[in-house]
Amino acid sequence: MLRIKKGFQGQRLVVYPFYAITDRLKSSLWIHSMGFFPKAAYHHIERPDGCGEYILVWCIDGDGWVTIDGIKHKIHKSDFFLLPPDKGHAYGASECQPWSIYWTHFSGEAAHQICSSACGVHKFPMDGNIRETSILFDEILTILEGHADTDTAFYVDLSFPRLLAAFLYQSIWNHKANYSGTNNLSIVGKASHYMEEHVGEKLTMADICSYLGYSESYVTRIFSAEVGCGPMTYLQRLKVTRACRLLENPNLKINQIALMLGFNDPYYFSKFFTKATGMSPRDFRKNHKQTANVSSPNLNYQA
């Protein structure tokens, strides 16, 4: 029987070039690859030893199957399954009605903490937020398809936990509108835009909340629920992201970059950057020069 791993008409497939962004490997939850396979006739994957990452596959149309621990499960529209790393599995589309699937490979310390007990086959409620969840998948895919830089990596790693939460915490996700009469995404969007516009200043939590017009406790709760971290942690990550981009410019001195990001003391900036990335600004710049002209390795992740 014909078996195909990829190459479907209209497919989308991205393997993120994480080899070029070393500090990304320190993220607690990050994407290896992601894709969408529409009407994936003859799709078949078999990995006797697993693949080293967690795998999420969501069927949005048609039928398929997955074999876990020697047991074959039928997969129908709105079903999804989560597979652990380094564990044998196989899955594929049905012959009569081949599935259309979103899928992603991901890893990180948080992945083990969150997903280890959730592996298996699950059903995404038909009355749930299917449209919003597919929009999230599409948004991250589109961003990955368009860019391969440090800013994109941080943005994707900050966005992905919300997508994962849609599958693992459905009772909250499908009824989240009941928790607040306000538009949480609007609050987060305004806050993140404000922080990006003022990333070079010494912003405080009071500054952010004064701009939004909400209390610190409320903003922290909404921001943490939607993004996965508090506003000040997000701001620090924005500063690190901007620092990485500025360090790629050899014409800028490190003390200039520190001032551009609101650090009057270059030494404190160096400590801040080193703690966040695992390397000093000087070492990061040196590493960037060494990897800038290195061709990509032969990475071959498949859904």
C-alpha atoms as a PDB file:
ATOM      1  CA  MET A   1       0.000   0.000   0.000  1.00  0.00           C
ATOM      2  CA  LEU A   2       1.202   3.511  -0.834  1.00  0.00           C
ATOM      3  CA  ARG A   3       2.545   5.385   2.182  1.00  0.00           C
ATOM      4  CA  ILE A   4       3.441   9.084   2.231  1.00  0.00           C
ATOM      5  CA  LYS A   5       5.067  11.164   4.981  1.00  0.00           C
ATOM      6  CA  LYS A   6       4.594  14.574   3.335  1.00  0.00           C
ATOM      7  CA  GLY A   7       4.083  16.250  -0.017  1.00  0.00           C
ATOM      8  CA  PHE A   8       0.313  16.778   0.033  1.00  0.00           C
ATOM      9  CA  GLN A   9      -1.320  19.377  -2.190  1.00  0.00           C
ATOM     10  CA  GLY A  10      -1.852  22.562  -0.200  1.00  0.00           C
ATOM     11  CA  GLN A  11       0.275  21.410   2.733  1.00  0.00           C
ATOM     12  CA  ARG A  12       2.080  23.781   5.078  1.00  0.00           C
ATOM     13  CA  LEU A  13       5.232  22.587   6.834  1.00  0.00           C
ATOM     14  CA  VAL A  14       7.831  24.512   8.815  1.00  0.00           C
ATOM     15  CA  VAL A  15      10.912  23.203  10.609  1.00  0.00           C
ATOM     16  CA  TYR A  16      12.201  26.122  12.629  1.00  0.00           C
ATOM     17  CA  PRO A  17      15.965  26.791  12.223  1.00  0.00           C
ATOM     18  CA  PHE A  18      16.663  26.761  15.944  1.00  0.00           C
ATOM     19  CA  TYR A  19      20.325  25.967  15.270  1.00  0.00           C
ATOM     20  CA  ALA A  20      20.806  29.677  14.574  1.00  0.00           C
ATOM     21  CA  ILE A  21      19.287  30.857  17.878  1.00  0.00           C
ATOM     22  CA  THR A  22      21.148  29.149  20.701  1.00  0.00           C
ATOM     23  CA  ASP A  23      19.433  30.908  23.608  1.00  0.00           C
ATOM     24  CA  ARG A  24      16.073  29.635  22.364  1.00  0.00           C
ATOM     25  CA  LEU A  25      17.051  26.167  23.538  1.00  0.00           C
ATOM     26  CA  LYS A  26      16.759  27.418  27.106  1.00  0.00           C
ATOM     27  CA  SER A  27      13.039  28.097  26.711  1.00  0.00           C
ATOM     28  CA  SER A  28      10.783  25.981  28.895  1.00  0.00           C
ATOM     29  CA  LEU A  29       8.437  25.234  25.989  1.00  0.00           C
ATOM     30  CA  TRP A  30       9.370  25.580  22.343  1.00  0.00           C
ATOM     31  CA  ILE A  31       8.365  24.353  18.897  1.00  0.00           C
ATOM     32  CA  HIS A  32      10.547  22.130  16.724  1.00  0.00           C
ATOM     33  CA  SER A  33       8.198  21.997  13.741  1.00  0.00           C
ATOM     34  CA  MET A  34       4.592  22.570  12.756  1.00  0.00           C
ATOM     35  CA  GLY A  35       2.328  21.956   9.807  1.00  0.00           C
ATOM     36  CA  PHE A  36      -1.075  21.499   8.229  1.00  0.00           C
ATOM     37  CA  PHE A  37      -1.823  18.567   5.897  1.00  0.00           C
ATOM     38  CA  PRO A  38      -5.180  18.889   4.065  1.00  0.00           C
ATOM     39  CA  LYS A  39      -6.880  15.726   2.753  1.00  0.00           C
ATOM     40  CA  ALA A  40      -3.655  13.813   3.379  1.00  0.00           C
ATOM     41  CA  ALA A  41      -4.372  10.651   1.381  1.00  0.00           C
ATOM     42  CA  TYR A  42      -1.984   7.758   2.150  1.00  0.00           C
ATOM     43  CA  HIS A  43      -0.393   9.716   5.004  1.00  0.00           C
ATOM     44  CA  HIS A  44       1.501   7.233   7.160  1.00  0.00           C
ATOM     45  CA  ILE A  45       4.108   7.667   9.895  1.00  0.00           C
ATOM     46  CA  GLU A  46       5.806   4.869  11.794  1.00  0.00           C
ATOM     47  CA  ARG A  47       8.465   5.447  14.450  1.00  0.00           C
ATOM     48  CA  PRO A  48       9.321   2.304  16.453  1.00  0.00           C
ATOM     49  CA  ASP A  49      11.517   4.313  18.859  1.00  0.00           C
ATOM     50  CA  GLY A  50       9.625   7.620  18.925  1.00  0.00           C
ATOM     51  CA  CYS A  51      11.221  10.858  17.762  1.00  0.00           C
ATOM     52  CA  GLY A  52      12.502  12.721  20.834  1.00  0.00           C
ATOM     53  CA  GLU A  53       9.765  15.375  21.016  1.00  0.00           C
ATOM     54  CA  TYR A  54       6.155  15.570  22.067  1.00  0.00           C
ATOM     55  CA  ILE A  55       3.748  15.392  19.116  1.00  0.00           C
ATOM     56  CA  LEU A  56       0.279  16.902  18.934  1.00  0.00           C
ATOM     57  CA  VAL A  57      -1.952  15.896  16.010  1.00  0.00           C
ATOM     58  CA  TRP A  58      -5.427  17.410  15.621  1.00  0.00           C
ATOM     59  CA  CYS A  59      -7.871  16.019  13.060  1.00  0.00           C
ATOM     60  CA  ILE A  60     -10.215  18.729  11.758  1.00  0.00           C
ATOM     61  CA  ASP A  61     -11.792  16.663   8.986  1.00  0.00           C
ATOM     62  CA  GLY A  62     -11.895  13.089   7.717  1.00  0.00           C
ATOM     63  CA  ASP A  63     -10.636  10.039   9.588  1.00  0.00           C
ATOM     64  CA  GLY A  64      -7.379   8.399  10.586  1.00  0.00           C
ATOM     65  CA  TRP A  65      -5.815   6.166  13.213  1.00  0.00           C
ATOM     66  CA  VAL A  66      -3.025   6.038  15.765  1.00  0.00           C
ATOM     67  CA  THR A  67      -1.317   3.077  17.407  1.00  0.00           C
ATOM     68  CA  ILE A  68      -0.080   3.603  20.978  1.00  0.00           C
ATOM     69  CA  ASP A  69       1.264   0.771  23.158  1.00  0.00           C
ATOM     70  CA  GLY A  70       0.197  -1.722  20.511  1.00  0.00           C
ATOM     71  CA  ILE A  71      -3.430  -0.547  20.588  1.00  0.00           C
ATOM     72  CA  LYS A  72      -4.907   0.981  17.441  1.00  0.00           C
ATOM     73  CA  HIS A  73      -7.332   3.867  17.964  1.00  0.00           C
ATOM     74  CA  LYS A  74      -9.639   5.305  15.316  1.00  0.00           C
ATOM     75  CA  ILE A  75      -9.411   9.075  14.904  1.00  0.00           C
ATOM     76  CA  HIS A  76     -12.372  11.118  13.698  1.00  0.00           C
ATOM     77  CA  LYS A  77     -13.111  14.783  13.087  1.00  0.00           C
ATOM     78  CA  SER A  78     -12.290  16.937  16.153  1.00  0.00           C
ATOM     79  CA  ASP A  79     -10.204  14.180  17.781  1.00  0.00           C
ATOM     80  CA  PHE A  80      -6.602  14.886  18.746  1.00  0.00           C
ATOM     81  CA  PHE A  81      -3.804  12.842  20.221  1.00  0.00           C
ATOM     82  CA  LEU A  82      -0.683  13.692  22.172  1.00  0.00           C
ATOM     83  CA  LEU A  83       2.370  11.434  21.936  1.00  0.00           C
ATOM     84  CA  PRO A  84       5.321  11.400  24.364  1.00  0.00           C
ATOM     85  CA  PRO A  85       8.943  11.537  23.186  1.00  0.00           C
ATOM     86  CA  ASP A  86      11.027   8.382  22.726  1.00  0.00           C
ATOM     87  CA  LYS A  87       8.024   6.069  22.665  1.00  0.00           C
ATOM     88  CA  GLY A  88       7.145   3.980  19.651  1.00  0.00           C
ATOM     89  CA  HIS A  89       4.039   4.920  17.695  1.00  0.00           C
ATOM     90  CA  ALA A  90       2.408   4.887  14.287  1.00  0.00           C
ATOM     91  CA  TYR A  91      -0.418   6.879  12.748  1.00  0.00           C
ATOM     92  CA  GLY A  92      -1.968   7.676   9.411  1.00  0.00           C
ATOM     93  CA  ALA A  93      -4.984   8.667   7.364  1.00  0.00           C
ATOM     94  CA  SER A  94      -7.885   6.352   6.579  1.00  0.00           C
ATOM     95  CA  GLU A  95      -8.160   5.021   3.025  1.00  0.00           C
ATOM     96  CA  CYS A  96     -11.809   6.031   2.555  1.00  0.00           C
ATOM     97  CA  GLN A  97     -11.844   9.509   4.102  1.00  0.00           C
ATOM     98  CA  PRO A  98      -8.264  10.736   4.578  1.00  0.00           C
ATOM     99  CA  TRP A  99      -7.884  13.213   7.373  1.00  0.00           C
ATOM    100  CA  SER A 100      -6.913  16.871   7.373  1.00  0.00           C
ATOM    101  CA  ILE A 101      -4.643  17.583  10.325  1.00  0.00           C
ATOM    102  CA  TYR A 102      -2.802  20.291  12.169  1.00  0.00           C
ATOM    103  CA  TRP A 103       0.309  18.976  13.885  1.00  0.00           C
ATOM    104  CA  THR A 104       3.317  20.160  15.850  1.00  0.00           C
ATOM    105  CA  HIS A 105       6.465  18.743  17.447  1.00  0.00           C
ATOM    106  CA  PHE A 106       7.555  20.529  20.625  1.00  0.00           C
ATOM    107  CA  SER A 107       9.829  20.114  23.624  1.00  0.00           C
ATOM    108  CA  GLY A 108      11.122  21.822  26.757  1.00  0.00           C
ATOM    109  CA  GLU A 109      11.032  21.376  30.526  1.00  0.00           C
ATOM    110  CA  ALA A 110       7.472  22.692  30.747  1.00  0.00           C
ATOM    111  CA  ALA A 111       6.383  20.176  28.120  1.00  0.00           C
ATOM    112  CA  HIS A 112       7.354  17.326  30.452  1.00  0.00           C
ATOM    113  CA  GLN A 113       5.625  18.947  33.414  1.00  0.00           C
ATOM    114  CA  ILE A 114       2.400  19.713  31.537  1.00  0.00           C
ATOM    115  CA  CYS A 115       2.046  16.885  29.024  1.00  0.00           C
ATOM    116  CA  SER A 116       3.431  13.743  30.652  1.00  0.00           C
ATOM    117  CA  SER A 117       0.070  12.804  32.154  1.00  0.00           C
ATOM    118  CA  ALA A 118      -2.012  13.986  29.189  1.00  0.00           C
ATOM    119  CA  CYS A 119      -0.669  11.712  26.465  1.00  0.00           C
ATOM    120  CA  GLY A 120      -3.235   9.673  24.586  1.00  0.00           C
ATOM    121  CA  VAL A 121      -6.317  10.167  22.406  1.00  0.00           C
ATOM    122  CA  HIS A 122      -8.804  12.922  23.239  1.00  0.00           C
ATOM    123  CA  LYS A 123     -11.836  14.607  21.701  1.00  0.00           C
ATOM    124  CA  PHE A 124     -12.050  18.326  21.095  1.00  0.00           C
ATOM    125  CA  PRO A 125     -15.712  19.219  21.804  1.00  0.00           C
ATOM    126  CA  MET A 126     -17.636  20.141  18.656  1.00  0.00           C
ATOM    127  CA  ASP A 127     -19.245  22.966  20.614  1.00  0.00           C
ATOM    128  CA  GLY A 128     -15.854  24.221  21.759  1.00  0.00           C
ATOM    129  CA  ASN A 129     -13.740  27.039  20.350  1.00  0.00           C
ATOM    130  CA  ILE A 130     -12.643  25.103  17.271  1.00  0.00           C
ATOM    131  CA  ARG A 131     -12.488  28.161  15.037  1.00  0.00           C
ATOM    132  CA  GLU A 132     -10.421  30.185  17.509  1.00  0.00           C
ATOM    133  CA  THR A 133      -8.066  27.250  18.059  1.00  0.00           C
ATOM    134  CA  SER A 134      -7.502  26.773  14.325  1.00  0.00           C
ATOM    135  CA  ILE A 135      -6.863  30.516  14.004  1.00  0.00           C
ATOM    136  CA  LEU A 136      -4.147  30.217  16.660  1.00  0.00           C
ATOM    137  CA  PHE A 137      -2.562  27.324  14.771  1.00  0.00           C
ATOM    138  CA  ASP A 138      -2.688  29.285  11.511  1.00  0.00           C
ATOM    139  CA  GLU A 139      -1.273  32.417  13.125  1.00  0.00           C
ATOM    140  CA  ILE A 140       1.795  30.648  14.506  1.00  0.00           C
ATOM    141  CA  LEU A 141       2.298  28.771  11.234  1.00  0.00           C
ATOM    142  CA  THR A 142       2.136  31.994   9.234  1.00  0.00           C
ATOM    143  CA  ILE A 143       4.667  33.691  11.491  1.00  0.00           C
ATOM    144  CA  LEU A 144       7.043  30.728  11.249  1.00  0.00           C
ATOM    145  CA  GLU A 145       6.714  30.674   7.471  1.00  0.00           C
ATOM    146  CA  GLY A 146       7.585  34.337   7.164  1.00  0.00           C
ATOM    147  CA  HIS A 147      10.539  34.817   9.511  1.00  0.00           C
ATOM    148  CA  ALA A 148      13.501  33.021  11.048  1.00  0.00           C
ATOM    149  CA  ASP A 149      15.034  35.465  13.506  1.00  0.00           C
ATOM    150  CA  THR A 150      15.370  35.919  17.246  1.00  0.00           C
ATOM    151  CA  ASP A 151      12.292  38.114  17.620  1.00  0.00           C
ATOM    152  CA  THR A 152      10.151  35.542  15.856  1.00  0.00           C
ATOM    153  CA  ALA A 153      11.496  32.737  18.029  1.00  0.00           C
ATOM    154  CA  PHE A 154      10.609  34.554  21.243  1.00  0.00           C
ATOM    155  CA  TYR A 155       7.180  35.550  19.941  1.00  0.00           C
ATOM    156  CA  VAL A 156       6.350  31.994  18.901  1.00  0.00           C
ATOM    157  CA  ASP A 157       7.598  30.529  22.176  1.00  0.00           C
ATOM    158  CA  LEU A 158       5.421  33.008  24.076  1.00  0.00           C
ATOM    159  CA  SER A 159       2.377  32.266  21.887  1.00  0.00           C
ATOM    160  CA  PHE A 160       2.583  28.483  21.795  1.00  0.00           C
ATOM    161  CA  PRO A 161       1.595  27.811  25.462  1.00  0.00           C
ATOM    162  CA  ARG A 162      -1.781  29.394  24.804  1.00  0.00           C
ATOM    163  CA  LEU A 163      -2.377  27.060  21.868  1.00  0.00           C
ATOM    164  CA  LEU A 164      -1.354  24.053  23.920  1.00  0.00           C
ATOM    165  CA  ALA A 165      -3.645  25.162  26.748  1.00  0.00           C
ATOM    166  CA  ALA A 166      -6.577  25.086  24.320  1.00  0.00           C
ATOM    167  CA  PHE A 167      -6.155  21.318  24.065  1.00  0.00           C
ATOM    168  CA  LEU A 168      -5.049  20.403  27.580  1.00  0.00           C
ATOM    169  CA  TYR A 169      -7.422  22.657  29.551  1.00  0.00           C
ATOM    170  CA  GLN A 170     -10.570  22.547  27.466  1.00  0.00           C
ATOM    171  CA  SER A 171     -13.051  23.207  30.263  1.00  0.00           C
ATOM    172  CA  ILE A 172     -11.375  26.567  30.867  1.00  0.00           C
ATOM    173  CA  TRP A 173     -10.661  27.324  27.209  1.00  0.00           C
ATOM    174  CA  ASN A 174     -14.197  26.611  26.004  1.00  0.00           C
ATOM    175  CA  HIS A 175     -15.817  28.713  28.721  1.00  0.00           C
ATOM    176  CA  LYS A 176     -13.215  31.415  29.246  1.00  0.00           C
ATOM    177  CA  ALA A 177     -15.688  34.111  28.247  1.00  0.00           C
ATOM    178  CA  ASN A 178     -17.512  33.452  31.526  1.00  0.00           C
ATOM    179  CA  TYR A 179     -14.494  34.506  33.567  1.00  0.00           C
ATOM    180  CA  SER A 180     -14.440  38.109  32.479  1.00  0.00           C
ATOM    181  CA  GLY A 181     -16.664  40.606  30.746  1.00  0.00           C
ATOM    182  CA  THR A 182     -13.661  42.361  29.231  1.00  0.00           C
ATOM    183  CA  ASN A 183     -11.643  41.508  26.164  1.00  0.00           C
ATOM    184  CA  ASN A 184      -8.563  39.842  27.676  1.00  0.00           C
ATOM    185  CA  LEU A 185      -6.748  39.732  24.354  1.00  0.00           C
ATOM    186  CA  SER A 186      -7.299  43.465  23.936  1.00  0.00           C
ATOM    187  CA  ILE A 187      -5.703  44.116  27.321  1.00  0.00           C
ATOM    188  CA  VAL A 188      -2.730  41.917  26.486  1.00  0.00           C
ATOM    189  CA  GLY A 189      -2.412  43.448  23.036  1.00  0.00           C
ATOM    190  CA  LYS A 190      -2.416  46.996  24.392  1.00  0.00           C
ATOM    191  CA  ALA A 191       0.065  46.096  27.115  1.00  0.00           C
ATOM    192  CA  SER A 192       2.481  44.328  24.767  1.00  0.00           C
ATOM    193  CA  HIS A 193       2.279  47.185  22.243  1.00  0.00           C
ATOM    194  CA  TYR A 194       2.970  49.727  24.975  1.00  0.00           C
ATOM    195  CA  MET A 195       5.965  47.737  26.214  1.00  0.00           C
ATOM    196  CA  GLU A 196       7.368  47.349  22.703  1.00  0.00           C
ATOM    197  CA  GLU A 197       7.049  51.097  22.119  1.00  0.00           C
ATOM    198  CA  HIS A 198       8.848  51.859  25.399  1.00  0.00           C
ATOM    199  CA  VAL A 199      11.259  48.921  25.593  1.00  0.00           C
ATOM    200  CA  GLY A 200      14.170  51.379  25.814  1.00  0.00           C
ATOM    201  CA  GLU A 201      12.827  52.995  28.972  1.00  0.00           C
ATOM    202  CA  LYS A 202      12.755  51.972  32.624  1.00  0.00           C
ATOM    203  CA  LEU A 203       9.122  50.899  32.649  1.00  0.00           C
ATOM    204  CA  THR A 204       7.534  49.855  35.925  1.00  0.00           C
ATOM    205  CA  MET A 205       4.415  47.800  36.570  1.00  0.00           C
ATOM    206  CA  ALA A 206       2.766  51.025  37.733  1.00  0.00           C
ATOM    207  CA  ASP A 207       3.510  52.656  34.363  1.00  0.00           C
ATOM    208  CA  ILE A 208       1.917  49.764  32.461  1.00  0.00           C
ATOM    209  CA  CYS A 209      -1.187  49.629  34.648  1.00  0.00           C
ATOM    210  CA  SER A 210      -1.621  53.398  34.553  1.00  0.00           C
ATOM    211  CA  TYR A 211      -1.605  53.246  30.754  1.00  0.00           C
ATOM    212  CA  LEU A 212      -4.165  50.398  30.712  1.00  0.00           C
ATOM    213  CA  GLY A 213      -6.359  51.803  33.458  1.00  0.00           C
ATOM    214  CA  TYR A 214      -6.500  48.571  35.487  1.00  0.00           C
ATOM    215  CA  SER A 215      -5.057  47.406  38.799  1.00  0.00           C
ATOM    216  CA  GLU A 216      -1.731  45.594  38.978  1.00  0.00           C
ATOM    217  CA  SER A 217      -3.315  42.395  40.296  1.00  0.00           C
ATOM    218  CA  TYR A 218      -5.889  42.317  37.488  1.00  0.00           C
ATOM    219  CA  VAL A 219      -3.370  42.986  34.717  1.00  0.00           C
ATOM    220  CA  THR A 220      -1.003  40.369  36.126  1.00  0.00           C
ATOM    221  CA  ARG A 221      -3.769  37.757  36.283  1.00  0.00           C
ATOM    222  CA  ILE A 222      -5.034  38.429  32.740  1.00  0.00           C
ATOM    223  CA  PHE A 223      -1.548  38.639  31.253  1.00  0.00           C
ATOM    224  CA  SER A 224      -0.374  35.433  32.942  1.00  0.00           C
ATOM    225  CA  ALA A 225      -3.478  33.538  31.801  1.00  0.00           C
ATOM    226  CA  GLU A 226      -3.174  34.613  28.167  1.00  0.00           C
ATOM    227  CA  VAL A 227       0.610  34.728  27.685  1.00  0.00           C
ATOM    228  CA  GLY A 228       1.956  32.343  30.317  1.00  0.00           C
ATOM    229  CA  CYS A 229       4.047  34.853  32.253  1.00  0.00           C
ATOM    230  CA  GLY A 230       3.643  38.151  34.088  1.00  0.00           C
ATOM    231  CA  PRO A 231       3.968  41.563  32.394  1.00  0.00           C
ATOM    232  CA  MET A 232       7.407  42.343  33.801  1.00  0.00           C
ATOM    233  CA  THR A 233       8.775  38.953  32.745  1.00  0.00           C
ATOM    234  CA  TYR A 234       7.383  39.603  29.273  1.00  0.00           C
ATOM    235  CA  LEU A 235       9.053  43.026  29.260  1.00  0.00           C
ATOM    236  CA  GLN A 236      12.386  41.461  30.211  1.00  0.00           C
ATOM    237  CA  ARG A 237      12.054  39.019  27.321  1.00  0.00           C
ATOM    238  CA  LEU A 238      11.314  41.888  24.962  1.00  0.00           C
ATOM    239  CA  LYS A 239      14.490  43.608  26.138  1.00  0.00           C
ATOM    240  CA  VAL A 240      16.492  40.426  25.584  1.00  0.00           C
ATOM    241  CA  THR A 241      14.976  40.018  22.116  1.00  0.00           C
ATOM    242  CA  ARG A 242      15.805  43.620  21.212  1.00  0.00           C
ATOM    243  CA  ALA A 243      19.302  43.225  22.679  1.00  0.00           C
ATOM    244  CA  CYS A 244      19.948  40.174  20.499  1.00  0.00           C
ATOM    245  CA  ARG A 245      18.921  42.087  17.411  1.00  0.00           C
ATOM    246  CA  LEU A 246      21.067  45.096  18.331  1.00  0.00           C
ATOM    247  CA  LEU A 247      24.083  42.916  19.114  1.00  0.00           C
ATOM    248  CA  GLU A 248      23.963  41.607  15.572  1.00  0.00           C
ATOM    249  CA  ASN A 249      24.963  45.115  14.468  1.00  0.00           C
ATOM    250  CA  PRO A 250      28.781  45.255  14.792  1.00  0.00           C
ATOM    251  CA  ASN A 251      28.735  49.067  14.637  1.00  0.00           C
ATOM    252  CA  LEU A 252      27.007  49.378  18.002  1.00  0.00           C
ATOM    253  CA  LYS A 253      29.059  49.184  21.182  1.00  0.00           C
ATOM    254  CA  ILE A 254      27.710  47.128  24.048  1.00  0.00           C
ATOM    255  CA  ASN A 255      27.481  50.145  26.364  1.00  0.00           C
ATOM    256  CA  GLN A 256      25.456  51.940  23.657  1.00  0.00           C
ATOM    257  CA  ILE A 257      23.065  49.001  23.456  1.00  0.00           C
ATOM    258  CA  ALA A 258      22.703  49.019  27.233  1.00  0.00           C
ATOM    259  CA  LEU A 259      21.647  52.686  27.157  1.00  0.00           C
ATOM    260  CA  MET A 260      19.253  52.034  24.268  1.00  0.00           C
ATOM    261  CA  LEU A 261      17.468  49.455  26.435  1.00  0.00           C
ATOM    262  CA  GLY A 262      17.233  51.599  29.556  1.00  0.00           C
ATOM    263  CA  PHE A 263      20.312  50.286  31.400  1.00  0.00           C
ATOM    264  CA  ASN A 264      22.538  53.084  32.709  1.00  0.00           C
ATOM    265  CA  ASP A 265      25.069  50.545  33.952  1.00  0.00           C
ATOM    266  CA  PRO A 266      26.605  48.387  31.161  1.00  0.00           C
ATOM    267  CA  TYR A 267      27.792  45.892  33.781  1.00  0.00           C
ATOM    268  CA  TYR A 268      24.245  45.373  35.061  1.00  0.00           C
ATOM    269  CA  PHE A 269      23.045  44.979  31.467  1.00  0.00           C
ATOM    270  CA  SER A 270      25.682  42.304  30.901  1.00  0.00           C
ATOM    271  CA  LYS A 271      24.558  40.412  34.031  1.00  0.00           C
ATOM    272  CA  PHE A 272      20.909  40.701  32.958  1.00  0.00           C
ATOM    273  CA  PHE A 273      21.635  39.422  29.449  1.00  0.00           C
ATOM    274  CA  THR A 274      23.865  36.596  30.654  1.00  0.00           C
ATOM    275  CA  LYS A 275      21.258  35.392  33.141  1.00  0.00           C
ATOM    276  CA  ALA A 276      18.576  35.374  30.434  1.00  0.00           C
ATOM    277  CA  THR A 277      20.555  33.723  27.616  1.00  0.00           C
ATOM    278  CA  GLY A 278      23.384  31.816  29.263  1.00  0.00           C
ATOM    279  CA  MET A 279      26.071  33.838  27.504  1.00  0.00           C
ATOM    280  CA  SER A 280      27.484  37.344  27.789  1.00  0.00           C
ATOM    281  CA  PRO A 281      26.630  40.010  25.199  1.00  0.00           C
ATOM    282  CA  ARG A 282      30.180  39.783  23.895  1.00  0.00           C
ATOM    283  CA  ASP A 283      29.974  35.995  23.513  1.00  0.00           C
ATOM    284  CA  PHE A 284      26.560  36.249  21.860  1.00  0.00           C
ATOM    285  CA  ARG A 285      27.953  38.676  19.286  1.00  0.00           C
ATOM    286  CA  LYS A 286      30.942  36.415  18.658  1.00  0.00           C
ATOM    287  CA  ASN A 287      28.679  33.382  18.273  1.00  0.00           C
ATOM    288  CA  HIS A 288      26.452  35.248  15.834  1.00  0.00           C
ATOM    289  CA  LYS A 289      29.435  36.080  13.633  1.00  0.00           C
ATOM    290  CA  GLN A 290      30.468  32.434  13.588  1.00  0.00           C
ATOM    291  CA  THR A 291      27.009  31.097  12.696  1.00  0.00           C
ATOM    292  CA  ALA A 292      25.905  33.820  10.287  1.00  0.00           C
ATOM    293  CA  ASN A 293      27.397  32.075   7.270  1.00  0.00           C
ATOM    294  CA  VAL A 294      26.834  28.477   8.327  1.00  0.00           C
ATOM    295  CA  SER A 295      24.432  26.613   6.038  1.00  0.00           C
ATOM    296  CA  SER A 296      21.512  24.846   7.665  1.00  0.00           C
ATOM    297  CA  PRO A 297      21.940  21.187   8.616  1.00  0.00           C
ATOM    298  CA  ASN A 298      19.779  18.472   7.134  1.00  0.00           C
ATOM    299  CA  LEU A 299      16.878  18.571   9.585  1.00  0.00           C
ATOM    300  CA  ASN A 300      14.094  16.171   8.660  1.00  0.00           C
ATOM    301  CA  TYR A 301      11.209  16.381  11.098  1.00  0.00           C
ATOM    302  CA  GLN A 302       8.010  14.878   9.739  1.00  0.00           C
ATOM    303  CA  ALA A 303       4.467  15.051  11.048  1.00  0.00           C
END
